[in-house]
Each structure stands twice: as C-alpha cells, then as structure tokens.
N, C-alpha and C. Protein backbone atom coordinates (compact mmCIF):
# COMPACT_ATOMS: atom_id res chain seq x y z
N UNK A 1 0.87 -1.46 0.06
CA UNK A 1 0.20 -0.02 0.01
C UNK A 1 1.10 1.32 -0.20
N UNK A 2 2.04 1.38 0.67
CA UNK A 2 2.84 2.46 0.90
C UNK A 2 3.45 2.42 -0.66
N UNK A 3 4.02 1.47 -1.18
CA UNK A 3 4.51 1.86 -2.67
C UNK A 3 3.67 1.75 -3.53
N UNK A 4 2.69 2.04 -3.37
CA UNK A 4 1.32 1.97 -4.22
C UNK A 4 1.03 4.00 -4.29
N UNK A 5 1.16 4.24 -3.25
CA UNK A 5 1.20 5.76 -2.81
C UNK A 5 2.48 6.56 -3.39
N UNK A 6 3.37 6.16 -4.08
CA UNK A 6 4.82 6.81 -4.28
C UNK A 6 4.06 7.03 -5.65
N UNK A 7 4.90 8.24 -6.02
CA UNK A 7 5.15 8.97 -7.62
C UNK A 7 6.17 10.26 -7.22
N UNK A 8 7.16 9.58 -8.07
CA UNK A 8 8.44 9.95 -8.57
C UNK A 8 9.21 9.26 -9.80
N UNK A 9 9.77 10.15 -10.43
CA UNK A 9 10.27 9.95 -12.03
C UNK A 9 11.17 8.90 -11.86
N UNK A 10 11.96 8.72 -10.89
CA UNK A 10 12.75 7.76 -10.60
C UNK A 10 12.82 6.70 -9.56
N UNK A 11 11.09 6.45 -9.72
CA UNK A 11 10.97 5.20 -8.42
C UNK A 11 9.80 4.29 -9.27
N UNK A 12 10.20 3.28 -9.66
CA UNK A 12 9.17 2.18 -10.28
C UNK A 12 8.02 2.54 -9.60
N UNK A 13 7.11 2.48 -10.31
CA UNK A 13 5.35 2.47 -9.66
C UNK A 13 4.64 1.07 -9.99
N UNK A 14 4.38 1.02 -8.33
CA UNK A 14 3.25 0.26 -8.11
C UNK A 14 2.18 0.79 -8.40
N UNK A 15 1.22 -0.55 -9.10
CA UNK A 15 0.15 -0.07 -9.30
C UNK A 15 -1.29 -0.56 -8.37
N UNK A 16 -0.83 -1.84 -8.19
CA UNK A 16 -1.69 -2.70 -7.47
C UNK A 16 -1.31 -3.63 -6.18
N UNK A 17 -1.94 -3.96 -5.84
CA UNK A 17 -1.73 -5.55 -4.67
C UNK A 17 -2.98 -6.01 -4.79
N UNK A 18 -3.08 -7.46 -4.55
CA UNK A 18 -3.57 -8.60 -4.58
C UNK A 18 -3.13 -10.00 -4.38
N UNK A 19 -4.00 -11.13 -4.56
CA UNK A 19 -3.59 -12.13 -4.41
C UNK A 19 -4.59 -13.42 -4.76
N UNK A 20 -3.65 -14.33 -4.95
CA UNK A 20 -4.74 -15.39 -5.43
C UNK A 20 -5.55 -16.30 -4.70
N UNK A 21 -6.66 -16.26 -5.03
CA UNK A 21 -7.53 -16.84 -3.70
C UNK A 21 -6.97 -18.29 -3.52
N UNK A 22 -6.76 -19.12 -4.52
CA UNK A 22 -6.71 -20.70 -4.10
C UNK A 22 -5.58 -21.03 -3.43
N UNK A 23 -4.39 -20.49 -3.10
CA UNK A 23 -3.22 -20.25 -2.30
C UNK A 23 -2.76 -19.13 -1.58
N UNK A 24 -3.36 -18.02 -1.93
CA UNK A 24 -2.88 -16.89 -1.09
C UNK A 24 -1.57 -16.13 -1.42
N UNK A 25 -0.89 -16.45 -2.14
CA UNK A 25 0.02 -15.81 -2.29
C UNK A 25 -0.39 -14.35 -2.94
N UNK A 26 0.49 -13.11 -2.48
CA UNK A 26 0.18 -12.17 -2.81
C UNK A 26 1.15 -11.57 -3.98
N UNK A 27 0.76 -10.77 -5.24
CA UNK A 27 1.32 -10.54 -6.03
C UNK A 27 1.14 -8.78 -6.46
N UNK A 28 2.15 -8.14 -6.93
CA UNK A 28 2.00 -7.08 -7.16
C UNK A 28 2.13 -6.99 -8.63
N UNK A 29 0.94 -5.37 -8.93
CA UNK A 29 1.33 -5.06 -10.57
C UNK A 29 2.18 -3.92 -10.54
N UNK A 30 3.06 -3.87 -11.59
CA UNK A 30 3.69 -2.66 -11.51
C UNK A 30 4.54 -2.65 -12.79
N UNK A 31 5.24 -1.25 -12.95
CA UNK A 31 5.61 -0.69 -13.91
C UNK A 31 6.29 -1.90 -14.76
N UNK A 32 6.41 -1.73 -16.05
CA UNK A 32 7.36 -2.42 -16.91
C UNK A 32 8.84 -1.78 -16.76
N UNK A 33 9.90 -2.07 -17.03
CA UNK A 33 11.15 -1.47 -16.96
C UNK A 33 12.06 -2.28 -18.01
N UNK A 34 12.45 -1.63 -19.30
CA UNK A 34 12.70 -2.44 -20.11
C UNK A 34 14.35 -2.04 -20.19
N UNK A 35 15.03 -2.42 -19.71
CA UNK A 35 16.45 -1.50 -19.29
C UNK A 35 17.35 -2.81 -18.43
N UNK A 36 18.31 -2.39 -17.86
CA UNK A 36 19.71 -3.05 -17.46
C UNK A 36 19.76 -2.42 -16.33
N UNK A 37 20.43 -3.11 -15.33
CA UNK A 37 20.94 -2.64 -13.92
C UNK A 37 22.74 -1.44 -13.84
N UNK A 38 22.29 -0.83 -13.73
CA UNK A 38 23.49 0.17 -13.42
C UNK A 38 25.18 -0.99 -13.33
N UNK A 39 24.48 -1.92 -12.54
CA UNK A 39 25.67 -3.46 -11.93
C UNK A 39 26.67 -3.35 -13.85
N UNK A 40 25.81 -3.58 -14.92
CA UNK A 40 26.21 -4.09 -16.07
C UNK A 40 26.74 -2.60 -17.04
N UNK A 41 26.76 -1.40 -16.18
CA UNK A 41 27.24 -0.13 -16.64
C UNK A 41 28.81 -0.38 -17.50
N UNK A 42 29.09 -0.31 -18.70
CA UNK A 42 30.21 -0.47 -19.33
C UNK A 42 30.78 0.72 -20.13
N UNK A 43 30.46 1.76 -19.80
CA UNK A 43 30.79 3.22 -20.41
C UNK A 43 31.68 3.82 -19.85
N UNK A 44 32.71 4.58 -20.37
CA UNK A 44 34.05 4.89 -20.00
C UNK A 44 33.26 6.31 -19.52
N UNK A 45 32.20 7.04 -19.50
CA UNK A 45 31.97 8.57 -19.57
C UNK A 45 31.47 8.92 -17.82
N UNK A 46 31.85 8.90 -17.05
CA UNK A 46 31.73 8.97 -15.46
C UNK A 46 30.47 10.32 -15.10
N UNK A 47 30.57 11.04 -16.20
CA UNK A 47 29.40 12.23 -15.94
C UNK A 47 28.19 11.48 -16.33
N UNK A 48 27.75 10.40 -17.09
CA UNK A 48 26.86 9.97 -17.44
C UNK A 48 26.25 9.00 -16.22
N UNK A 49 27.42 8.36 -15.35
CA UNK A 49 26.60 8.01 -14.01
C UNK A 49 26.71 8.74 -12.38
N UNK A 50 27.31 9.79 -12.93
CA UNK A 50 27.02 10.94 -12.16
C UNK A 50 25.40 11.61 -12.04
N UNK A 51 24.86 11.34 -13.47
CA UNK A 51 23.42 11.94 -13.61
C UNK A 51 22.79 10.76 -12.97
N UNK A 52 22.84 9.58 -13.23
CA UNK A 52 22.16 8.72 -12.34
C UNK A 52 22.03 8.65 -10.98
N UNK A 53 23.62 8.97 -10.54
CA UNK A 53 23.19 9.14 -9.01
C UNK A 53 22.76 10.30 -8.50
N UNK A 54 22.75 11.63 -9.31
CA UNK A 54 21.50 12.44 -8.98
C UNK A 54 20.40 12.46 -9.01
N UNK A 55 19.62 11.32 -9.88
CA UNK A 55 18.36 11.00 -10.40
C UNK A 55 18.04 9.66 -8.96
N UNK A 56 19.02 9.04 -8.59
CA UNK A 56 18.38 8.30 -7.41
C UNK A 56 18.73 8.78 -6.23
N UNK A 57 19.80 9.84 -5.90
CA UNK A 57 19.42 10.84 -4.95
C UNK A 57 18.12 11.58 -4.76
N UNK A 58 17.69 12.47 -5.86
CA UNK A 58 16.59 12.67 -5.83
C UNK A 58 15.45 12.03 -5.19
N UNK A 59 15.35 10.49 -5.84
CA UNK A 59 14.46 9.43 -5.75
C UNK A 59 14.55 9.40 -4.24
N UNK A 60 15.51 9.17 -2.83
CA UNK A 60 15.70 9.04 -2.21
C UNK A 60 15.17 10.30 -1.34
N UNK A 61 15.82 11.32 -1.31
CA UNK A 61 15.15 12.52 -0.48
C UNK A 61 13.82 12.63 -0.96
N UNK A 62 13.21 12.35 -1.69
CA UNK A 62 11.94 12.04 -1.56
C UNK A 62 11.21 11.14 -0.25
N UNK A 63 11.91 10.02 -1.03
CA UNK A 63 11.47 8.75 0.55
C UNK A 63 11.31 9.00 1.71
N UNK A 64 12.58 9.33 1.64
CA UNK A 64 13.09 10.18 3.31
C UNK A 64 12.40 11.09 3.70
N UNK A 65 11.90 12.05 2.62
CA UNK A 65 10.82 12.69 3.42
C UNK A 65 9.32 12.06 3.85
N UNK A 66 9.60 11.19 2.97
CA UNK A 66 8.07 10.51 3.80
C UNK A 66 8.70 9.63 4.94
N UNK A 67 9.33 9.67 5.55
CA UNK A 67 10.11 8.62 6.48
C UNK A 67 10.07 7.57 6.10
N UNK A 68 10.38 7.07 4.62
CA UNK A 68 10.50 5.56 4.12
C UNK A 68 11.63 5.82 4.55
N UNK A 69 12.67 4.21 4.19
CA UNK A 69 13.69 4.11 3.87
C UNK A 69 13.72 2.60 3.08
N UNK A 70 14.12 2.97 2.31
CA UNK A 70 14.73 1.18 1.12
C UNK A 70 14.81 0.17 1.99
N UNK A 71 16.25 0.71 2.32
CA UNK A 71 17.27 -0.91 3.21
C UNK A 71 17.50 -1.99 2.66
N UNK A 72 17.71 -1.50 0.79
CA UNK A 72 18.21 -2.60 0.14
C UNK A 72 18.93 -1.92 -1.10
N UNK A 73 19.35 -0.83 -1.20
CA UNK A 73 20.08 0.09 -2.20
C UNK A 73 21.38 -0.82 -2.76
N UNK A 74 21.69 -1.29 -3.78
CA UNK A 74 22.66 -1.73 -4.23
C UNK A 74 22.45 -1.58 -5.93
N UNK A 75 23.77 -2.10 -6.83
CA UNK A 75 24.01 -2.07 -8.64
C UNK A 75 22.76 -2.55 -8.58
N UNK A 76 22.22 -4.00 -8.20
CA UNK A 76 21.05 -4.58 -9.25
C UNK A 76 19.66 -4.19 -8.50
N UNK A 77 19.75 -2.70 -7.51
CA UNK A 77 18.17 -2.51 -7.36
C UNK A 77 18.21 -1.42 -8.37
N UNK A 78 18.89 -0.69 -8.87
CA UNK A 78 19.12 0.50 -9.83
C UNK A 78 18.80 0.34 -11.26
N UNK A 79 17.81 0.53 -12.08
CA UNK A 79 17.72 0.04 -13.36
C UNK A 79 17.68 1.29 -14.26
N UNK A 80 18.43 1.57 -15.60
CA UNK A 80 18.44 2.58 -16.37
C UNK A 80 17.74 1.65 -17.77
N UNK A 81 16.35 2.82 -18.31
CA UNK A 81 15.84 2.52 -19.02
C UNK A 81 16.18 4.03 -20.44
N UNK A 82 16.57 4.03 -21.47
CA UNK A 82 16.49 5.09 -22.07
C UNK A 82 17.26 6.63 -21.40
N UNK A 83 18.40 6.28 -20.57
CA UNK A 83 19.07 7.33 -20.13
C UNK A 83 18.37 7.66 -18.79
N UNK A 84 17.21 6.84 -18.23
CA UNK A 84 16.69 7.59 -16.83
C UNK A 84 17.30 6.46 -15.60
N UNK A 85 17.23 6.78 -14.52
CA UNK A 85 17.62 5.72 -13.57
C UNK A 85 16.54 5.37 -12.73
N UNK A 86 15.88 4.47 -12.49
CA UNK A 86 15.03 4.53 -11.65
C UNK A 86 15.43 3.52 -10.77
N UNK A 87 14.84 3.62 -9.09
CA UNK A 87 15.15 2.69 -7.46
C UNK A 87 13.83 1.47 -8.08
N UNK A 88 14.05 0.37 -7.50
CA UNK A 88 13.10 -0.71 -7.53
C UNK A 88 13.69 -1.77 -6.17
N UNK A 89 12.92 -2.60 -6.26
CA UNK A 89 13.31 -3.72 -5.13
C UNK A 89 13.13 -3.06 -3.77
N UNK A 90 11.86 -2.68 -3.87
CA UNK A 90 11.58 -2.10 -2.35
C UNK A 90 12.11 -2.87 -0.80
N UNK A 91 12.35 -3.01 0.13
CA UNK A 91 12.62 -3.26 1.24
C UNK A 91 11.69 -2.53 2.47
N UNK A 92 10.92 -1.43 1.85
CA UNK A 92 9.80 -1.11 2.81
C UNK A 92 9.01 -1.81 3.56
N UNK A 93 9.00 -1.73 4.76
CA UNK A 93 8.46 -2.72 5.79
C UNK A 93 8.57 -2.44 7.20
N UNK A 94 7.81 -2.81 8.11
CA UNK A 94 7.68 -2.48 9.71
C UNK A 94 9.04 -3.16 10.44
N UNK A 95 9.22 -4.13 9.49
CA UNK A 95 10.71 -4.83 10.33
C UNK A 95 11.81 -3.63 10.45
N UNK A 96 12.42 -3.86 11.22
CA UNK A 96 13.77 -3.32 11.69
C UNK A 96 14.67 -3.97 11.49
N UNK A 97 14.81 -5.48 11.54
CA UNK A 97 15.94 -6.20 11.25
C UNK A 97 17.19 -5.53 10.53
N UNK A 98 18.24 -6.05 11.45
CA UNK A 98 19.74 -6.12 11.18
C UNK A 98 19.72 -6.56 9.86
N UNK A 99 19.07 -7.64 9.60
CA UNK A 99 19.29 -8.80 8.77
C UNK A 99 18.99 -8.32 7.35
N UNK A 100 17.71 -7.38 7.44
CA UNK A 100 17.48 -6.95 5.74
C UNK A 100 18.63 -6.54 5.15
N UNK A 101 18.32 -6.34 3.86
CA UNK A 101 19.27 -5.50 3.14
C UNK A 101 20.67 -6.75 2.97
N UNK A 102 21.13 -6.37 1.80
CA UNK A 102 22.57 -6.81 1.30
C UNK A 102 23.92 -7.00 1.77
N UNK A 103 24.47 -7.36 2.59
CA UNK A 103 25.61 -7.00 3.23
C UNK A 103 26.73 -6.11 2.50
N UNK A 104 27.28 -6.84 1.38
CA UNK A 104 27.97 -5.97 0.73
C UNK A 104 27.64 -4.65 0.62
N UNK A 105 26.56 -4.30 0.83
CA UNK A 105 26.43 -2.68 0.55
C UNK A 105 25.56 -2.27 1.85
N UNK A 106 25.89 -2.68 2.77
CA UNK A 106 25.03 -2.40 4.01
C UNK A 106 26.35 -1.54 4.90
N UNK A 107 25.54 -0.57 5.60
CA UNK A 107 26.31 0.59 6.14
C UNK A 107 26.37 -0.37 7.51
N UNK A 108 27.88 -0.53 7.98
CA UNK A 108 28.10 -1.59 9.53
C UNK A 108 27.43 -1.14 10.94
N UNK A 109 27.00 0.17 11.05
CA UNK A 109 26.31 0.88 11.72
C UNK A 109 24.90 0.11 12.01
N UNK A 110 24.24 -0.05 10.90
CA UNK A 110 23.22 -0.54 11.07
C UNK A 110 23.00 -1.76 12.13
N UNK A 111 23.77 -2.66 12.39
CA UNK A 111 23.87 -3.24 13.63
C UNK A 111 23.68 -2.81 14.88
N UNK A 112 24.01 -2.17 15.24
CA UNK A 112 24.06 -1.11 16.42
C UNK A 112 23.29 -0.10 16.41
N UNK A 113 23.23 0.58 15.33
CA UNK A 113 22.13 1.45 15.56
C UNK A 113 20.61 1.61 14.49
N UNK A 114 20.35 0.40 13.55
CA UNK A 114 19.20 0.28 13.34
C UNK A 114 19.51 1.24 12.15
N UNK A 115 18.13 0.69 11.66
CA UNK A 115 17.86 1.59 10.06
C UNK A 115 17.99 3.26 10.32
N UNK A 116 18.55 3.76 9.26
CA UNK A 116 18.42 5.52 9.29
C UNK A 116 18.25 5.45 7.80
N UNK A 117 17.90 7.22 7.54
CA UNK A 117 17.97 7.65 6.17
C UNK A 117 19.98 7.14 6.11
N UNK A 118 20.79 7.66 6.43
CA UNK A 118 21.81 7.80 6.16
C UNK A 118 22.27 5.76 5.73
N UNK A 119 21.90 5.08 6.22
CA UNK A 119 21.62 3.55 6.05
C UNK A 119 21.71 3.79 4.12
N UNK A 120 20.48 4.26 3.69
CA UNK A 120 20.49 4.25 2.17
C UNK A 120 21.25 5.29 1.69
N UNK A 121 22.33 6.27 1.83
CA UNK A 121 23.21 7.27 1.40
C UNK A 121 24.14 6.39 1.36
N UNK A 122 24.86 5.36 2.34
CA UNK A 122 25.63 4.84 2.56
C UNK A 122 25.93 3.74 1.23
N UNK A 123 24.83 3.23 1.19
CA UNK A 123 24.69 2.12 0.76
C UNK A 123 24.68 2.50 -1.10
N UNK A 124 24.13 3.46 -1.44
CA UNK A 124 24.06 4.50 -2.87
C UNK A 124 25.34 4.68 -3.16
N UNK A 125 26.12 5.55 -2.09
CA UNK A 125 27.75 5.75 -2.40
C UNK A 125 28.25 4.75 -2.73
N UNK A 126 28.18 3.61 -1.77
CA UNK A 126 28.99 2.56 -2.04
C UNK A 126 28.87 1.65 -3.35
N UNK A 127 27.57 1.42 -3.89
CA UNK A 127 27.23 0.93 -5.28
C UNK A 127 27.73 1.91 -6.46
N UNK A 128 27.67 2.91 -6.50
CA UNK A 128 28.44 4.03 -7.37
C UNK A 128 29.05 4.15 -7.43
N UNK A 129 30.46 3.99 -6.21
CA UNK A 129 31.29 3.87 -6.06
C UNK A 129 32.12 2.65 -7.03
N UNK A 130 31.72 1.57 -6.56
CA UNK A 130 31.97 0.30 -7.03
C UNK A 130 31.95 0.46 -8.53
N UNK A 131 30.43 0.40 -8.93
CA UNK A 131 30.60 0.75 -10.55
C UNK A 131 31.76 1.69 -11.50
N UNK A 132 31.53 3.12 -10.57
CA UNK A 132 32.97 3.82 -11.04
C UNK A 132 33.97 3.28 -11.63
N UNK A 133 34.65 2.64 -10.13
CA UNK A 133 36.14 2.21 -10.25
C UNK A 133 35.71 0.79 -10.56
N UNK A 134 34.77 0.04 -11.02
CA UNK A 134 34.93 -1.28 -11.50
C UNK A 134 35.74 -2.57 -10.33
N UNK A 135 34.95 -1.66 -9.16
CA UNK A 135 35.58 -2.89 -8.01
C UNK A 135 35.21 -1.80 -6.83
N UNK A 136 34.72 -3.03 -5.69
CA UNK A 136 34.19 -2.46 -4.50
C UNK A 136 34.95 -2.19 -3.45
N UNK A 137 34.93 -0.79 -2.60
CA UNK A 137 36.42 -0.09 -2.09
C UNK A 137 36.39 -1.00 -0.88
N UNK A 138 35.68 -1.67 -0.64
CA UNK A 138 35.52 -2.99 0.41
C UNK A 138 35.82 -4.54 -0.01
N UNK A 139 36.43 -4.58 -1.40
CA UNK A 139 36.62 -5.86 -2.07
C UNK A 139 36.84 -6.70 -0.91
N UNK A 140 37.82 -6.85 -0.30
CA UNK A 140 38.38 -8.31 0.55
C UNK A 140 37.57 -8.34 1.84
N UNK A 141 36.32 -7.60 1.88
CA UNK A 141 35.44 -7.82 2.99
C UNK A 141 34.52 -8.79 2.42
N UNK A 142 34.34 -10.02 3.03
CA UNK A 142 33.13 -10.76 2.60
C UNK A 142 31.77 -10.35 3.00
N UNK A 143 32.03 -9.86 4.67
CA UNK A 143 30.40 -9.57 4.98
C UNK A 143 30.28 -7.97 5.11
N UNK A 144 29.98 -7.41 5.97
CA UNK A 144 29.59 -5.69 6.20
C UNK A 144 30.80 -5.35 6.14
N UNK A 145 31.02 -4.02 5.17
CA UNK A 145 32.02 -2.85 4.79
C UNK A 145 32.81 -2.88 6.01
N UNK A 146 33.97 -2.36 6.25
CA UNK A 146 34.33 -2.25 7.97
C UNK A 146 34.00 -0.70 7.90
N UNK A 147 34.94 -0.54 9.10
CA UNK A 147 34.79 1.13 9.43
C UNK A 147 35.90 1.74 9.37
N UNK A 148 37.12 1.07 9.04
CA UNK A 148 38.19 1.99 9.00
C UNK A 148 38.50 2.70 7.68
N UNK A 149 38.49 4.30 8.14
CA UNK A 149 39.17 5.28 7.46
C UNK A 149 39.89 4.78 5.80
N UNK A 150 39.42 5.08 5.01
CA UNK A 150 39.90 4.63 3.48
C UNK A 150 39.81 6.15 3.01
N UNK A 151 41.34 5.71 2.19
CA UNK A 151 41.68 6.72 1.13
C UNK A 151 41.73 6.57 -0.58
N UNK A 152 40.70 6.85 -1.35
CA UNK A 152 40.92 5.95 -3.07
C UNK A 152 40.65 6.98 -4.16
N UNK A 153 41.13 6.56 -5.01
CA UNK A 153 40.62 7.74 -6.07
C UNK A 153 39.61 7.07 -6.71
N UNK A 154 38.28 7.98 -7.11
CA UNK A 154 37.47 7.73 -7.85
C UNK A 154 37.42 8.29 -9.21
N UNK A 155 37.47 7.83 -10.12
CA UNK A 155 38.11 8.32 -11.44
C UNK A 155 37.13 8.60 -11.97
N UNK A 156 37.66 10.34 -12.56
CA UNK A 156 36.86 10.85 -13.49
C UNK A 156 35.70 11.62 -12.64
N UNK A 157 35.77 11.63 -11.15
CA UNK A 157 34.60 12.25 -10.54
C UNK A 157 35.16 13.77 -9.93
N UNK A 158 34.11 14.88 -10.22
CA UNK A 158 35.08 16.23 -9.49
C UNK A 158 35.30 16.24 -8.00
N UNK A 159 36.44 16.68 -7.75
CA UNK A 159 37.11 16.54 -6.43
C UNK A 159 36.00 16.96 -5.65
N UNK A 160 35.00 17.78 -5.61
CA UNK A 160 34.36 18.25 -4.22
C UNK A 160 33.48 16.99 -4.47
N UNK A 161 32.69 16.68 -5.13
CA UNK A 161 31.81 15.16 -5.08
C UNK A 161 32.73 13.93 -4.45
N UNK A 162 34.23 14.02 -4.91
CA UNK A 162 34.37 12.52 -4.71
C UNK A 162 34.98 12.95 -3.25
N UNK A 163 35.43 13.99 -2.37
CA UNK A 163 35.32 14.26 -0.96
C UNK A 163 34.27 13.75 -0.65
N UNK A 164 33.02 14.38 -0.92
CA UNK A 164 31.63 13.92 -0.18
C UNK A 164 31.47 12.28 -0.28
N UNK A 165 31.67 11.94 -1.27
CA UNK A 165 31.65 10.39 -1.58
C UNK A 165 32.38 9.77 -0.23
N UNK A 166 33.47 9.86 -0.32
CA UNK A 166 34.39 9.55 1.14
C UNK A 166 34.53 9.93 2.36
N UNK A 167 33.37 11.30 2.46
CA UNK A 167 32.93 11.76 3.51
C UNK A 167 31.67 10.66 4.26
N UNK A 168 31.19 10.18 3.01
CA UNK A 168 30.18 9.12 3.76
C UNK A 168 30.31 7.74 4.07
N UNK A 169 31.41 7.25 2.86
CA UNK A 169 32.11 6.13 3.15
C UNK A 169 32.89 6.33 4.26
N UNK A 170 33.59 7.09 5.05
CA UNK A 170 34.16 7.11 6.22
C UNK A 170 33.35 7.66 7.32
N UNK A 171 31.83 7.62 7.47
CA UNK A 171 31.46 8.27 7.91
C UNK A 171 31.08 9.77 9.07
N UNK A 172 31.90 10.72 8.11
CA UNK A 172 32.52 12.10 8.32
C UNK A 172 31.53 12.58 8.09
N UNK A 173 30.03 12.59 8.27
CA UNK A 173 28.82 13.36 8.05
C UNK A 173 28.08 12.65 9.06
N UNK A 174 27.10 14.18 9.93
CA UNK A 174 25.65 14.00 10.61
C UNK A 174 24.61 14.42 9.56
N UNK A 175 23.88 12.77 8.95
CA UNK A 175 23.01 12.89 8.11
C UNK A 175 21.85 13.72 8.52
N UNK A 176 21.39 13.99 9.80
CA UNK A 176 20.19 14.20 10.23
C UNK A 176 19.98 16.00 10.21
N UNK A 177 21.45 16.55 10.01
CA UNK A 177 21.50 17.86 9.53
C UNK A 177 21.66 18.14 7.69
N UNK A 178 21.50 17.17 7.43
CA UNK A 178 21.72 17.37 5.55
C UNK A 178 19.88 17.53 4.69
N UNK A 179 19.66 18.70 5.12
CA UNK A 179 18.35 18.70 3.96
C UNK A 179 18.28 18.77 2.57
N UNK A 180 19.13 18.80 2.04
CA UNK A 180 19.37 19.00 0.66
C UNK A 180 20.44 18.18 -0.13
N UNK A 181 20.19 17.08 -0.20
CA UNK A 181 20.86 15.84 -0.63
C UNK A 181 21.94 16.15 -1.64
N UNK A 182 21.04 16.95 -2.98
CA UNK A 182 21.90 17.26 -3.60
C UNK A 182 22.80 18.59 -3.87
N UNK A 183 22.42 19.49 -3.01
CA UNK A 183 23.52 20.10 -2.49
C UNK A 183 24.25 20.01 -1.95
N UNK A 184 24.21 19.29 -0.70
CA UNK A 184 25.68 18.67 0.08
C UNK A 184 26.14 18.00 -0.61
N UNK A 185 25.82 16.87 -1.76
CA UNK A 185 27.01 16.37 -2.82
C UNK A 185 27.88 17.00 -3.61
N UNK A 186 27.06 18.86 -3.42
CA UNK A 186 27.76 19.31 -4.28
C UNK A 186 27.77 19.24 -5.80
N UNK A 187 26.45 18.94 -5.98
CA UNK A 187 25.87 18.40 -7.20
C UNK A 187 25.23 19.07 -7.56
N UNK A 188 24.60 19.58 -8.78
CA UNK A 188 23.66 20.59 -9.45
C UNK A 188 22.26 20.00 -8.99
N UNK A 189 21.41 21.06 -8.52
CA UNK A 189 20.30 20.67 -7.93
C UNK A 189 18.83 20.80 -8.76
N UNK A 190 19.20 21.17 -10.24
CA UNK A 190 18.37 21.35 -11.26
C UNK A 190 18.34 19.73 -11.90
N UNK A 191 17.16 19.47 -12.11
CA UNK A 191 16.61 18.05 -12.01
C UNK A 191 15.51 18.37 -12.98
N UNK A 192 15.71 17.79 -14.38
CA UNK A 192 14.63 17.55 -15.62
C UNK A 192 14.05 16.71 -14.86
N UNK A 193 12.86 16.80 -15.00
CA UNK A 193 11.82 15.93 -14.51
C UNK A 193 10.69 16.38 -15.45
N UNK A 194 10.22 14.82 -15.81
CA UNK A 194 8.99 14.87 -16.93
C UNK A 194 7.33 14.78 -16.35
N UNK A 195 6.98 15.49 -16.06
CA UNK A 195 5.40 15.66 -15.71
C UNK A 195 4.47 15.03 -16.59
N UNK A 196 3.37 14.15 -16.15
CA UNK A 196 2.43 13.65 -17.29
C UNK A 196 1.58 15.15 -17.88
N UNK A 197 1.52 14.51 -19.20
CA UNK A 197 0.72 16.32 -20.05
C UNK A 197 -0.39 15.96 -19.16
N UNK A 198 -1.24 15.15 -18.62
CA UNK A 198 -2.59 15.71 -17.78
C UNK A 198 -2.03 15.95 -16.98
N UNK A 199 -1.49 16.15 -16.02
CA UNK A 199 -0.72 16.80 -14.56
C UNK A 199 -0.68 18.05 -14.94
N UNK A 200 -0.15 18.57 -15.96
CA UNK A 200 0.68 19.85 -16.28
C UNK A 200 -0.70 20.63 -17.13
N UNK A 201 -1.65 19.92 -17.69
CA UNK A 201 -2.47 20.44 -18.19
C UNK A 201 -3.81 20.76 -16.83
N UNK A 202 -3.90 19.68 -16.16
CA UNK A 202 -4.77 20.09 -15.01
C UNK A 202 -4.19 20.90 -13.73
N UNK A 203 -2.92 21.04 -13.55
CA UNK A 203 -2.38 22.08 -12.72
C UNK A 203 -1.96 23.27 -13.46
N UNK A 204 -2.09 23.17 -14.74
CA UNK A 204 -1.54 24.72 -14.88
C UNK A 204 0.22 25.46 -15.03
N UNK A 205 0.61 23.69 -15.35
CA UNK A 205 1.76 23.82 -15.30
C UNK A 205 2.54 24.23 -16.59
C-alpha cells in the first residue's frame, strides 16, 4: 500500500496488490522497465553515472521526506531505461531487523544503530563508487564493509563530489543535518523532471 502511494520519476511505479484466492500468494502489478541495472554499466564517461546518481539521490530524498527507508540499495536495484535511472525492489516494511538488505552494501552501523536515512545514502554511495571504479571499496571484506577510514581515487569524478563520497564512506557526516541531498553532494540541484501531460494541463504547469 505504501509503494502504491509513491510517485516520483525515478521510482518504479507500483499500481496494485492482490492475492491468488486458491493459495493466498500475494502479487504486485507494477511498471515494466525494459532496461538493465547499473551493475552492467560499461561506459567510460563518469558524467553519465553522476547523472544517474543525481536521479536516485532525488528519489531517496523524496522517500526520506515520507519517513520511508529502502533498506536494500545496491547496483542490481538501480535500473537504467533510456538514460533514466529507477529505484526498484523496495524493502519498505515495519521490520527493523538488521538482517534485511545486502551485506556487501550495508552500512555496518545498522547492527548497532538500526536503520536510518543515512543507511540508504551509504549503500547508494558504495554502489556508485563500485560501478565507477569497477571494484568495491571493501573488495576483500566478505561480510559488512569495515569502519576503517579509507582513501581511494574515484576516477573521473569532480574533486568536491569525490570528497563528499569519501565523507559518507568514512562516516564523516551527520546526515540528520542534511536537508538538500543534491546540494550537500555539491552537484547541481536542477533535475529535469517529466510531468505527465494530463497533470501539467490540470495543474496549469
């Protein structure tokens, strides 16, 4: 029901939920995305990935303003269709179990602090750094990423953005004090959003 109420240009639409009477298995009907995950991104232009990062970051800011946390951000859950990135496969639930999510991209503080908005940001940053560098920052850690400060080169990314990405990985930020996600990462806060024509007409946009 929560997913059905969401509307954002970079979040997959969920239209309905129902169940099969014979066995009570629930199912969702949702928007069909004919694309591929950023996991398979093979381009050499980091600016394209930065644009996808901006789009998903705006989707997370929208979710977090509704006090919703995705809990499983990873490259496989970010789909790209016609140069637009979409957040998919939500784990929005009432469960606060630290077992939710994917260990490789999970903020290690979840074990101690529980799920927070920063948990999603941390996972998003790890995901994009991995795709940009074509290697995970904590490639030798089989479980949760470690908490040791790391210094790494993030290829082709502007220095200001690179520093912010490292601040997140090293937990050098109080995310409760961040209200504008795009501005904090020092990337443009202008995002091209396509409003359905029927909405534009009825709202006089």
